[in-house]
């Protein structure tokens, strides 16, 4: 019976560690997502200018 209680405590510790690591992973994913959104918005005008230059040079659609 003592083994069962020890196993329960060990599983609880593992679950707590997994929960902490999951939180860290979710924070990292949110940070990456926020950075990608920021970068996309910051360079939105750059892309529009690039597209405009391609059209002006007759290169639109050419790859």
C-alpha atoms as a PDB file:
ATOM      1  CA  UNK A   1       0.000   0.000   0.000  1.00  0.00           C
ATOM      2  CA  UNK A   2       2.889   2.359   0.723  1.00  0.00           C
ATOM      3  CA  UNK A   3       4.170   1.827  -2.804  1.00  0.00           C
ATOM      4  CA  UNK A   4       0.861   3.036  -4.197  1.00  0.00           C
ATOM      5  CA  UNK A   5       1.136   6.290  -2.260  1.00  0.00           C
ATOM      6  CA  UNK A   6       4.744   6.759  -3.382  1.00  0.00           C
ATOM      7  CA  UNK A   7       3.743   6.150  -6.990  1.00  0.00           C
ATOM      8  CA  UNK A   8       0.898   8.647  -6.674  1.00  0.00           C
ATOM      9  CA  UNK A   9       3.260  11.312  -5.355  1.00  0.00           C
ATOM     10  CA  UNK A  10       5.744  10.595  -8.139  1.00  0.00           C
ATOM     11  CA  UNK A  11       3.028  10.845 -10.791  1.00  0.00           C
ATOM     12  CA  UNK A  12       1.849  14.100  -9.273  1.00  0.00           C
ATOM     13  CA  UNK A  13       5.397  15.478  -9.488  1.00  0.00           C
ATOM     14  CA  UNK A  14       5.660  14.407 -13.129  1.00  0.00           C
ATOM     15  CA  UNK A  15       2.294  15.982 -13.936  1.00  0.00           C
ATOM     16  CA  UNK A  16       3.397  19.247 -12.302  1.00  0.00           C
ATOM     17  CA  UNK A  17       6.625  19.281 -14.322  1.00  0.00           C
ATOM     18  CA  UNK A  18       4.745  18.589 -17.554  1.00  0.00           C
ATOM     19  CA  UNK A  19       2.291  21.365 -16.746  1.00  0.00           C
ATOM     20  CA  UNK A  20       5.154  23.819 -16.134  1.00  0.00           C
ATOM     21  CA  UNK A  21       6.885  22.796 -19.357  1.00  0.00           C
ATOM     22  CA  UNK A  22       3.645  23.107 -21.305  1.00  0.00           C
ATOM     23  CA  UNK A  23       3.241  26.654 -20.002  1.00  0.00           C
ATOM     24  CA  UNK A  24       6.799  27.482 -21.085  1.00  0.00           C
ATOM     25  CA  UNK A  25       6.175  26.013 -24.535  1.00  0.00           C
ATOM     26  CA  UNK A  26       2.928  27.960 -24.956  1.00  0.00           C
ATOM     27  CA  UNK A  27       4.681  31.183 -23.909  1.00  0.00           C
ATOM     28  CA  UNK A  28       7.429  30.552 -26.455  1.00  0.00           C
ATOM     29  CA  UNK A  29       4.884  29.869 -29.216  1.00  0.00           C
ATOM     30  CA  UNK A  30       3.010  33.067 -28.343  1.00  0.00           C
ATOM     31  CA  UNK A  31       6.280  35.019 -28.432  1.00  0.00           C
ATOM     32  CA  UNK A  32       7.116  33.641 -31.885  1.00  0.00           C
ATOM     33  CA  UNK A  33       3.602  34.335 -33.148  1.00  0.00           C
ATOM     34  CA  UNK A  34       3.700  37.907 -31.849  1.00  0.00           C
ATOM     35  CA  UNK A  35       7.090  38.455 -33.483  1.00  0.00           C
ATOM     36  CA  UNK A  36       5.843  37.126 -36.823  1.00  0.00           C
ATOM     37  CA  UNK A  37       2.751  39.367 -36.656  1.00  0.00           C
ATOM     38  CA  UNK A  38       4.906  42.381 -35.815  1.00  0.00           C
ATOM     39  CA  UNK A  39       7.371  41.631 -38.600  1.00  0.00           C
ATOM     40  CA  UNK A  40       4.598  41.133 -41.129  1.00  0.00           C
ATOM     41  CA  UNK A  41       2.991  44.447 -40.173  1.00  0.00           C
ATOM     42  CA  UNK A  42       6.309  46.286 -40.027  1.00  0.00           C
ATOM     43  CA  UNK A  43       7.234  45.152 -43.533  1.00  0.00           C
ATOM     44  CA  UNK A  44       3.785  45.348 -45.123  1.00  0.00           C
ATOM     45  CA  UNK A  45       4.728  48.575 -46.904  1.00  0.00           C
ATOM     46  CA  UNK A  46       7.989  47.032 -48.098  1.00  0.00           C
ATOM     47  CA  UNK A  47       6.054  44.250 -49.805  1.00  0.00           C
ATOM     48  CA  UNK A  48       3.641  46.697 -51.395  1.00  0.00           C
ATOM     49  CA  UNK A  49       6.554  48.757 -52.707  1.00  0.00           C
ATOM     50  CA  UNK A  50       8.223  45.591 -54.021  1.00  0.00           C
ATOM     51  CA  UNK A  51       5.031  44.486 -55.759  1.00  0.00           C
ATOM     52  CA  UNK A  52       4.652  47.954 -57.258  1.00  0.00           C
ATOM     53  CA  UNK A  53       8.209  47.871 -58.586  1.00  0.00           C
ATOM     54  CA  UNK A  54       7.604  44.479 -60.188  1.00  0.00           C
ATOM     55  CA  UNK A  55       4.470  45.728 -61.909  1.00  0.00           C
ATOM     56  CA  UNK A  56       6.235  48.866 -63.087  1.00  0.00           C
ATOM     57  CA  UNK A  57       9.030  46.750 -64.575  1.00  0.00           C
ATOM     58  CA  UNK A  58       6.622  44.245 -66.128  1.00  0.00           C
ATOM     59  CA  UNK A  59       7.811  41.482 -63.802  1.00  0.00           C
ATOM     60  CA  UNK A  60       4.555  40.788 -61.962  1.00  0.00           C
ATOM     61  CA  UNK A  61       3.910  37.074 -61.841  1.00  0.00           C
ATOM     62  CA  UNK A  62       7.419  36.253 -63.063  1.00  0.00           C
ATOM     63  CA  UNK A  63       9.477  34.061 -60.775  1.00  0.00           C
END
